[in-house]
Protein backbone atom coordinates (compact mmCIF):
# COMPACT_ATOMS: atom_id res chain seq x y z
CA MET A 1 -18.57 32.28 -15.37
CA PHE A 2 -16.98 29.17 -13.92
CA GLU A 3 -17.96 25.72 -15.04
CA PRO A 4 -18.29 23.03 -12.38
CA GLU A 5 -15.46 20.58 -12.39
CA THR A 6 -16.36 17.49 -14.38
CA ARG A 7 -13.47 15.20 -13.52
CA THR A 8 -14.40 11.57 -13.15
CA LEU A 9 -12.60 9.06 -11.02
CA SER A 10 -10.78 6.22 -12.71
CA PRO A 11 -12.12 2.71 -12.10
CA ILE A 12 -9.19 2.08 -9.75
CA SER A 13 -9.92 5.24 -7.78
CA ASN A 14 -13.56 4.22 -7.51
CA GLU A 15 -12.59 0.76 -6.26
CA LEU A 16 -10.18 2.20 -3.70
CA ALA A 17 -12.80 4.67 -2.51
CA GLU A 18 -15.32 1.85 -2.09
CA LEU A 19 -12.81 -0.32 -0.23
CA ASP A 20 -11.87 2.61 2.00
CA ALA A 21 -15.54 3.19 2.82
CA VAL A 22 -16.07 -0.48 3.71
CA VAL A 23 -12.98 -0.60 5.92
CA HIS A 24 -13.83 2.64 7.71
CA SER A 25 -17.39 1.54 8.31
CA GLY A 26 -16.09 -1.57 10.11
CA GLY A 27 -16.85 -4.05 7.34
CA PHE A 28 -13.80 -6.24 7.95
CA TRP A 29 -13.40 -6.07 11.71
CA ARG A 30 -15.40 -9.23 12.28
CA LEU A 31 -12.60 -11.10 10.49
CA VAL A 32 -9.81 -10.19 12.92
CA PRO A 33 -9.27 -10.92 16.63
CA GLU A 34 -10.32 -8.33 19.21
CA ALA A 35 -6.65 -7.79 20.14
CA VAL A 36 -5.96 -6.09 16.81
CA PRO A 37 -6.03 -2.31 17.27
CA ARG A 38 -8.83 -0.47 15.50
CA VAL A 39 -7.19 2.96 15.68
CA TYR A 40 -3.80 3.69 14.16
CA ALA A 41 -1.32 6.55 14.18
CA PRO A 42 -1.65 8.98 11.30
CA VAL A 43 0.42 8.09 8.25
CA THR A 44 3.40 10.41 8.04
CA PRO A 45 6.54 10.35 5.90
CA GLN A 46 8.52 9.30 8.99
CA LEU A 47 6.18 6.39 9.64
CA LEU A 48 6.40 5.28 6.02
CA ARG A 49 10.21 5.34 6.23
CA ARG A 50 10.13 3.19 9.38
CA VAL A 51 7.79 0.70 7.74
CA GLU A 52 9.98 0.57 4.62
CA GLN A 53 13.12 -0.01 6.71
CA GLY A 54 11.40 -2.77 8.69
CA LEU A 55 10.20 -4.51 5.52
CA LYS A 56 13.71 -4.33 4.06
CA ARG A 57 15.12 -5.94 7.23
CA VAL A 58 12.59 -8.77 7.04
CA ALA A 59 13.25 -9.33 3.32
CA ARG A 60 16.97 -10.00 3.89
């Protein structure tokens, strides 16, 4: 017989999950101008590389 999984989230995972829920429910949108996009492209490895390269250019 299989036992149900009893893993518990770390406090950091819990905090991130709560923050994610607040952000996705629109909790912070009242703090930014209407011109800021509310929908973004999916995060892919290619997108992360482009962001990293851009940040490195700015840091120079």
